[in-house]
Amino acid sequence: MHMSDDVRITPQLDYDHMGVLMQAIHSADICVLYQTPDLVYRWAENLPAVLQDKWKENCRDSDFLPAEIAENMETTKLQILGSGKSASLEVHLTEEGEPVWFKFSIDCHRNKNGKIMGLITAGINVSELRRREQVLKILLREVSHRSKNLLAIMQSIAVQTARFSDNVGSFLKKFQGRIQSLSHSQDLVTDSNWRGALFQDLVYSQASSYVDFGNFRFSVKGKNPYLFPGAALHIGLAFHELIINSASYGALANEGGEVKISCSVIRPESADSSVRIYWEETFPTGNCEEQNWKLRFGSAVLERIVPTSVNGEATYKINCGRVTYRLTMPASQFDI
């Protein structure tokens, strides 16, 4: 490291102190460069690899920086020399094909009389900070996208609930239950870092308020695929409808009733594989009219909203003492 007479170490800052400062600079991964007022470099310390190969004593910014960055640096430095005020700027470089960001703080070096003798440039690598900011922006965009999807689902639920409700009280009861269902499913999706939700976790979260899981009359068997977020929300809603109907009129409302849930993967090794979810409940009944049972158990959510939203197909059959629901959806909605 070479110094002019005007940059000579003073008695108060001996070489031991200088050694400590240099060690601190290296530990903090800070680079320091010194230029005379004619913008010619005299020395540099701890240069990063992306700059070190081209920098040399008596060079200028244009000798080791890309043309646009060098021009911006020199313009800024001339302004600093004219105003005497410090400034900072950030530059974007490329090292081995990877982006690297540096923040440079530039200030005047003055002698004891206040005369500007040169410029001191201190640079720090802020690449990790910028990468985190980029990841955060991506996450925020994803959150915004998912929030809009969730609002669209809620709007669809509100419309369908209102269409099949006889009065305000009926609407509020159904709508509140469906929103609570979405909340349970959303918790699972959030806990998985937005990956989705396991099928069986989804079933149990929806049934927890209505079912004693120690009771052999309620069973969940078969595969346990990861359902992607959109599918998880809608399938959670389907199970909410099935469980509510069952708890009101079917197997869960009858001591002799039984609910069996299964999940299977069709052609698991194929690109066009699919998941088939099957709900079956049976329960003893007295004399009944089949049409009355269909009116009780009928649901636009199960037959329209859910299958359409997961690009799947659904079959919903209701008879006295037996209710079945089969939902099939493509590979784009799950992961094994």
Protein backbone atom coordinates (compact mmCIF):
# COMPACT_ATOMS: atom_id res chain seq x y z
CA MET A 1 0.00 0.00 0.00
CA HIS A 2 1.56 3.28 -1.17
CA MET A 3 0.83 6.67 0.35
CA SER A 4 1.65 10.23 -0.66
CA ASP A 5 3.07 12.66 1.86
CA ASP A 6 -0.42 14.04 2.45
CA VAL A 7 -1.72 10.58 3.36
CA ARG A 8 1.18 9.72 5.68
CA ILE A 9 0.28 8.03 8.97
CA THR A 10 0.31 10.51 11.84
CA PRO A 11 2.09 9.80 15.15
CA GLN A 12 -1.28 9.32 16.85
CA LEU A 13 -2.08 6.44 14.49
CA ASP A 14 0.92 4.15 14.67
CA TYR A 15 1.45 1.00 12.68
CA ASP A 16 -0.07 -1.24 15.37
CA HIS A 17 -3.27 0.75 15.16
CA MET A 18 -3.15 0.57 11.39
CA GLY A 19 -2.77 -3.20 11.56
CA VAL A 20 -5.84 -3.45 13.74
CA LEU A 21 -7.83 -1.27 11.33
CA MET A 22 -6.75 -3.36 8.36
CA GLN A 23 -7.74 -6.55 10.17
CA ALA A 24 -11.16 -5.03 10.96
CA ILE A 25 -11.63 -4.04 7.32
CA HIS A 26 -10.86 -7.57 6.17
CA SER A 27 -13.10 -9.14 8.82
CA ALA A 28 -16.01 -6.89 7.86
CA ASP A 29 -15.39 -7.60 4.15
CA ILE A 30 -15.01 -3.89 3.39
CA CYS A 31 -12.82 -2.64 0.57
CA VAL A 32 -11.19 0.81 0.67
CA LEU A 33 -9.80 2.77 -2.30
CA TYR A 34 -7.99 6.10 -2.44
CA GLN A 35 -7.86 8.56 -5.36
CA THR A 36 -6.25 11.92 -5.90
CA PRO A 37 -8.48 14.80 -7.08
CA ASP A 38 -7.71 13.93 -10.70
CA LEU A 39 -9.51 10.62 -10.02
CA VAL A 40 -6.39 8.50 -10.36
CA TYR A 41 -6.18 5.62 -7.90
CA ARG A 42 -3.17 5.51 -5.60
CA TRP A 43 -3.96 2.51 -3.42
CA ALA A 44 -6.63 -0.01 -2.56
CA GLU A 45 -7.15 -2.45 0.27
CA ASN A 46 -9.15 -5.70 0.46
CA LEU A 47 -10.56 -5.50 -3.05
CA PRO A 48 -13.09 -8.24 -3.91
CA ALA A 49 -12.12 -10.77 -6.55
CA VAL A 50 -14.48 -9.24 -9.11
CA LEU A 51 -12.44 -5.98 -8.98
CA GLN A 52 -9.01 -7.15 -7.94
CA ASP A 53 -7.93 -8.68 -11.26
CA LYS A 54 -8.29 -5.44 -13.26
CA TRP A 55 -7.43 -2.81 -10.65
CA LYS A 56 -3.88 -1.45 -10.51
CA GLU A 57 -2.16 1.59 -9.12
CA ASN A 58 -2.61 4.77 -11.20
CA CYS A 59 -5.70 3.37 -12.93
CA ARG A 60 -9.08 5.07 -13.24
CA ASP A 61 -12.63 3.77 -12.78
CA SER A 62 -12.93 3.10 -16.51
CA ASP A 63 -9.96 0.72 -16.34
CA PHE A 64 -11.63 -1.89 -14.14
CA LEU A 65 -15.36 -1.12 -14.08
CA PRO A 66 -17.98 -1.55 -16.85
CA ALA A 67 -18.33 1.63 -18.93
CA GLU A 68 -21.75 2.71 -17.65
CA ILE A 69 -20.82 2.15 -14.00
CA ALA A 70 -17.46 3.88 -14.43
CA GLU A 71 -19.13 6.93 -15.98
CA ASN A 72 -21.65 7.10 -13.14
CA MET A 73 -18.89 6.75 -10.54
CA GLU A 74 -16.75 9.52 -12.04
CA THR A 75 -19.75 11.86 -12.39
CA THR A 76 -20.63 11.30 -8.73
CA LYS A 77 -17.05 11.86 -7.60
CA LEU A 78 -16.72 15.10 -9.53
CA GLN A 79 -19.88 16.32 -7.84
CA ILE A 80 -18.43 15.38 -4.45
CA LEU A 81 -15.20 17.25 -5.21
CA GLY A 82 -17.26 20.27 -6.20
CA SER A 83 -19.61 20.25 -3.22
CA GLY A 84 -17.39 18.70 -0.59
CA LYS A 85 -20.31 16.52 0.51
CA SER A 86 -20.18 12.74 0.76
CA ALA A 87 -22.41 10.47 -1.32
CA SER A 88 -23.08 6.79 -1.89
CA LEU A 89 -24.18 4.68 -4.80
CA GLU A 90 -24.85 1.05 -5.48
CA VAL A 91 -23.47 -0.89 -8.42
CA HIS A 92 -24.41 -4.24 -9.89
CA LEU A 93 -21.56 -6.42 -11.14
CA THR A 94 -21.28 -10.02 -12.33
CA GLU A 95 -18.89 -12.56 -10.83
CA GLU A 96 -18.66 -16.00 -12.45
CA GLY A 97 -22.08 -15.50 -13.97
CA GLU A 98 -23.68 -14.56 -10.66
CA PRO A 99 -24.96 -11.05 -9.80
CA VAL A 100 -23.01 -9.15 -7.14
CA TRP A 101 -24.11 -5.87 -5.55
CA PHE A 102 -21.75 -3.37 -3.90
CA LYS A 103 -22.62 -0.22 -2.01
CA PHE A 104 -19.87 2.41 -2.28
CA SER A 105 -19.64 5.33 0.15
CA ILE A 106 -17.46 8.17 -1.16
CA ASP A 107 -16.08 11.05 0.89
CA CYS A 108 -13.42 13.72 0.64
CA HIS A 109 -10.03 13.35 2.31
CA ARG A 110 -8.86 16.72 3.65
CA ASN A 111 -5.62 17.93 5.17
CA LYS A 112 -5.46 19.78 8.49
CA ASN A 113 -6.31 23.02 6.70
CA GLY A 114 -9.48 21.57 5.21
CA LYS A 115 -8.12 21.34 1.67
CA ILE A 116 -9.41 18.37 -0.33
CA MET A 117 -6.47 16.07 -0.99
CA GLY A 118 -8.33 13.13 -2.49
CA LEU A 119 -11.30 10.81 -2.32
CA ILE A 120 -11.85 7.80 -0.08
CA THR A 121 -14.21 5.13 -1.38
CA ALA A 122 -15.39 2.38 0.96
CA GLY A 123 -17.31 -0.50 -0.54
CA ILE A 124 -19.31 -3.31 1.05
CA ASN A 125 -20.88 -6.35 -0.54
CA VAL A 126 -24.67 -6.13 -0.12
CA SER A 127 -25.51 -9.08 -2.37
CA GLU A 128 -27.09 -11.16 0.39
CA LEU A 129 -29.28 -8.24 1.41
CA ARG A 130 -30.45 -7.68 -2.16
CA ARG A 131 -31.16 -11.40 -2.62
CA ARG A 132 -33.27 -11.39 0.53
CA GLU A 133 -35.15 -8.36 -0.73
CA GLN A 134 -35.82 -10.12 -4.03
CA VAL A 135 -37.07 -13.23 -2.22
CA LEU A 136 -39.28 -11.05 -0.04
CA LYS A 137 -40.74 -9.32 -3.11
CA ILE A 138 -41.47 -12.70 -4.69
CA LEU A 139 -43.13 -13.90 -1.48
CA LEU A 140 -45.22 -10.73 -1.22
CA ARG A 141 -46.37 -11.15 -4.83
CA GLU A 142 -47.26 -14.76 -4.04
CA VAL A 143 -49.17 -13.71 -0.92
CA SER A 144 -51.04 -11.10 -2.96
CA HIS A 145 -51.88 -13.69 -5.63
CA ARG A 146 -53.10 -16.22 -3.08
CA SER A 147 -55.08 -13.57 -1.22
CA LYS A 148 -56.90 -12.67 -4.42
CA ASN A 149 -57.63 -16.34 -5.03
CA LEU A 150 -58.95 -16.71 -1.50
CA LEU A 151 -61.19 -13.68 -1.92
CA ALA A 152 -62.49 -15.12 -5.18
CA ILE A 153 -63.31 -18.38 -3.39
CA MET A 154 -65.12 -16.48 -0.64
CA GLN A 155 -67.11 -14.50 -3.19
CA SER A 156 -68.13 -17.70 -4.96
CA ILE A 157 -69.14 -19.29 -1.64
CA ALA A 158 -71.19 -16.22 -0.72
CA VAL A 159 -73.06 -16.25 -4.05
CA GLN A 160 -73.79 -19.99 -3.96
CA THR A 161 -74.78 -19.89 -0.28
CA ALA A 162 -77.17 -17.02 -0.88
CA ARG A 163 -78.69 -18.78 -3.90
CA PHE A 164 -79.62 -21.85 -1.87
CA SER A 165 -80.62 -20.15 1.40
CA ASP A 166 -84.25 -19.49 2.31
CA ASN A 167 -83.57 -16.58 4.66
CA VAL A 168 -80.81 -14.42 6.16
CA GLY A 169 -80.44 -16.62 9.22
CA SER A 170 -79.91 -19.71 7.09
CA PHE A 171 -77.44 -17.85 4.90
CA LEU A 172 -75.37 -16.61 7.85
CA LYS A 173 -75.18 -20.04 9.46
CA LYS A 174 -74.02 -21.75 6.27
CA PHE A 175 -71.68 -18.95 5.22
CA GLN A 176 -69.98 -18.72 8.62
CA GLY A 177 -69.42 -22.48 8.64
CA ARG A 178 -67.85 -22.41 5.19
CA ILE A 179 -65.58 -19.51 6.07
CA GLN A 180 -64.46 -21.41 9.18
CA SER A 181 -63.73 -24.39 6.95
CA LEU A 182 -61.52 -22.23 4.73
CA SER A 183 -59.73 -20.99 7.84
CA HIS A 184 -58.88 -24.54 8.98
CA SER A 185 -57.55 -25.45 5.54
CA GLN A 186 -55.62 -22.20 5.22
CA ASP A 187 -53.86 -22.90 8.52
CA LEU A 188 -52.55 -26.18 7.12
CA VAL A 189 -51.41 -24.52 3.90
CA THR A 190 -49.62 -21.76 5.80
CA ASP A 191 -47.92 -24.23 8.17
CA SER A 192 -46.49 -26.07 5.15
CA ASN A 193 -44.90 -22.86 3.80
CA TRP A 194 -47.61 -22.67 1.14
CA ARG A 195 -46.81 -26.09 -0.27
CA GLY A 196 -50.31 -27.35 0.46
CA ALA A 197 -51.82 -29.85 2.87
CA LEU A 198 -51.75 -33.60 3.37
CA PHE A 199 -55.07 -35.20 2.50
CA GLN A 200 -55.58 -36.90 5.86
CA ASP A 201 -54.62 -33.79 7.83
CA LEU A 202 -57.23 -31.91 5.83
CA VAL A 203 -59.94 -34.45 6.68
CA TYR A 204 -59.13 -34.47 10.38
CA SER A 205 -58.98 -30.67 10.60
CA GLN A 206 -62.47 -30.40 9.12
CA ALA A 207 -63.91 -33.21 11.24
CA SER A 208 -62.31 -32.33 14.59
CA SER A 209 -65.36 -30.46 15.92
CA TYR A 210 -67.83 -33.19 15.00
CA VAL A 211 -66.09 -36.55 15.28
CA ASP A 212 -64.55 -38.67 18.02
CA PHE A 213 -61.52 -40.05 16.19
CA GLY A 214 -61.31 -42.95 18.59
CA ASN A 215 -64.66 -44.14 17.29
CA PHE A 216 -64.32 -46.96 14.78
CA ARG A 217 -67.41 -45.64 12.95
CA PHE A 218 -65.27 -42.91 11.30
CA SER A 219 -62.30 -44.14 9.26
CA VAL A 220 -59.81 -42.64 6.81
CA LYS A 221 -57.75 -45.01 4.66
CA GLY A 222 -55.63 -45.13 1.52
CA LYS A 223 -53.04 -42.78 0.10
CA ASN A 224 -52.09 -39.48 1.71
CA PRO A 225 -51.04 -37.13 -1.13
CA TYR A 226 -50.06 -33.51 -0.75
CA LEU A 227 -52.84 -31.38 -2.12
CA PHE A 228 -51.67 -28.08 -3.60
CA PRO A 229 -53.03 -24.91 -1.92
CA GLY A 230 -56.00 -24.26 -4.20
CA ALA A 231 -57.06 -27.90 -4.13
CA ALA A 232 -56.60 -28.08 -0.35
CA LEU A 233 -58.95 -25.14 0.24
CA HIS A 234 -61.67 -26.52 -2.02
CA ILE A 235 -61.44 -30.14 -0.90
CA GLY A 236 -61.48 -28.95 2.71
CA LEU A 237 -64.70 -27.16 1.82
CA ALA A 238 -66.12 -30.37 0.32
CA PHE A 239 -65.41 -32.31 3.49
CA HIS A 240 -66.96 -29.54 5.54
CA GLU A 241 -70.20 -29.93 3.57
CA LEU A 242 -70.15 -33.71 3.86
CA ILE A 243 -69.45 -33.64 7.59
CA ILE A 244 -72.07 -30.96 8.32
CA ASN A 245 -74.71 -32.87 6.33
CA SER A 246 -73.75 -36.12 8.05
CA ALA A 247 -73.81 -34.53 11.52
CA SER A 248 -77.24 -33.03 10.79
CA TYR A 249 -79.04 -35.86 9.02
CA GLY A 250 -76.76 -38.82 8.36
CA ALA A 251 -74.30 -41.24 9.90
CA LEU A 252 -72.74 -38.82 12.39
CA ALA A 253 -76.21 -37.98 13.69
CA ASN A 254 -77.07 -41.65 14.15
CA GLU A 255 -75.49 -44.04 16.66
CA GLY A 256 -75.67 -46.85 14.15
CA GLY A 257 -74.10 -44.82 11.34
CA GLU A 258 -70.66 -45.30 9.79
CA VAL A 259 -68.43 -43.06 7.65
CA LYS A 260 -65.66 -44.47 5.45
CA ILE A 261 -63.24 -42.16 3.60
CA SER A 262 -60.60 -43.38 1.19
CA CYS A 263 -58.08 -41.89 -1.22
CA SER A 264 -56.39 -43.65 -4.11
CA VAL A 265 -53.91 -42.59 -6.79
CA ILE A 266 -54.74 -43.80 -10.28
CA ARG A 267 -51.72 -44.48 -12.54
CA PRO A 268 -49.19 -43.12 -10.00
CA GLU A 269 -46.24 -43.55 -12.41
CA SER A 270 -47.96 -41.70 -15.25
CA ALA A 271 -47.87 -38.00 -16.10
CA ASP A 272 -51.65 -38.00 -16.33
CA SER A 273 -52.19 -39.65 -12.94
CA SER A 274 -55.15 -38.62 -10.85
CA VAL A 275 -56.44 -38.78 -7.29
CA ARG A 276 -59.80 -40.29 -6.44
CA ILE A 277 -61.40 -39.38 -3.14
CA TYR A 278 -64.34 -41.43 -1.95
CA TRP A 279 -66.79 -40.74 0.90
CA GLU A 280 -69.36 -43.31 1.92
CA GLU A 281 -71.72 -43.13 4.87
CA THR A 282 -74.38 -45.60 5.87
CA PHE A 283 -76.96 -45.37 8.62
CA PRO A 284 -80.24 -47.03 9.58
CA THR A 285 -83.44 -45.16 8.74
CA GLY A 286 -87.13 -45.69 9.15
CA ASN A 287 -89.64 -45.09 6.40
CA CYS A 288 -88.49 -42.13 4.29
CA GLU A 289 -89.05 -40.51 0.95
CA GLU A 290 -85.93 -40.40 -1.15
CA GLN A 291 -86.69 -36.95 -2.52
CA ASN A 292 -86.77 -35.47 1.00
CA TRP A 293 -83.32 -36.88 1.74
CA LYS A 294 -81.94 -35.40 -1.46
CA LEU A 295 -83.26 -31.98 -0.54
CA ARG A 296 -81.59 -32.24 2.86
CA PHE A 297 -78.24 -33.41 1.60
CA GLY A 298 -78.05 -31.56 -1.71
CA SER A 299 -75.14 -29.10 -2.05
CA ALA A 300 -73.97 -26.87 -4.90
CA VAL A 301 -70.54 -26.76 -3.27
CA LEU A 302 -70.03 -30.51 -3.71
CA GLU A 303 -71.48 -30.80 -7.18
CA ARG A 304 -70.35 -27.53 -8.78
CA ILE A 305 -67.84 -25.34 -6.98
CA VAL A 306 -65.35 -27.97 -5.81
CA PRO A 307 -65.02 -30.13 -8.97
CA THR A 308 -64.87 -27.08 -11.22
CA SER A 309 -62.18 -25.44 -9.07
CA VAL A 310 -59.88 -28.49 -9.12
CA ASN A 311 -60.50 -29.33 -12.80
CA GLY A 312 -62.06 -32.58 -11.68
CA GLU A 313 -65.27 -34.54 -11.75
CA ALA A 314 -67.64 -35.36 -8.92
CA THR A 315 -70.49 -37.78 -8.37
CA TYR A 316 -72.85 -37.25 -5.44
CA LYS A 317 -75.50 -39.88 -4.70
CA ILE A 318 -78.04 -39.77 -1.90
CA ASN A 319 -80.40 -42.57 -0.88
CA CYS A 320 -82.26 -43.35 2.30
CA GLY A 321 -79.56 -44.67 4.62
CA ARG A 322 -76.62 -44.22 2.22
CA VAL A 323 -74.67 -41.22 0.89
CA THR A 324 -71.66 -41.42 -1.42
CA TYR A 325 -69.39 -38.78 -2.90
CA ARG A 326 -66.62 -39.46 -5.41
CA LEU A 327 -64.22 -36.72 -6.51
CA THR A 328 -61.49 -37.26 -9.11
CA MET A 329 -58.88 -34.61 -9.90
CA PRO A 330 -55.77 -34.46 -12.14
CA ALA A 331 -52.05 -34.52 -11.25
CA SER A 332 -51.85 -30.71 -11.49
CA GLN A 333 -53.63 -30.54 -8.12
CA PHE A 334 -51.45 -32.81 -5.97
CA ASP A 335 -48.05 -34.34 -5.30
CA ILE A 336 -47.47 -37.89 -4.13
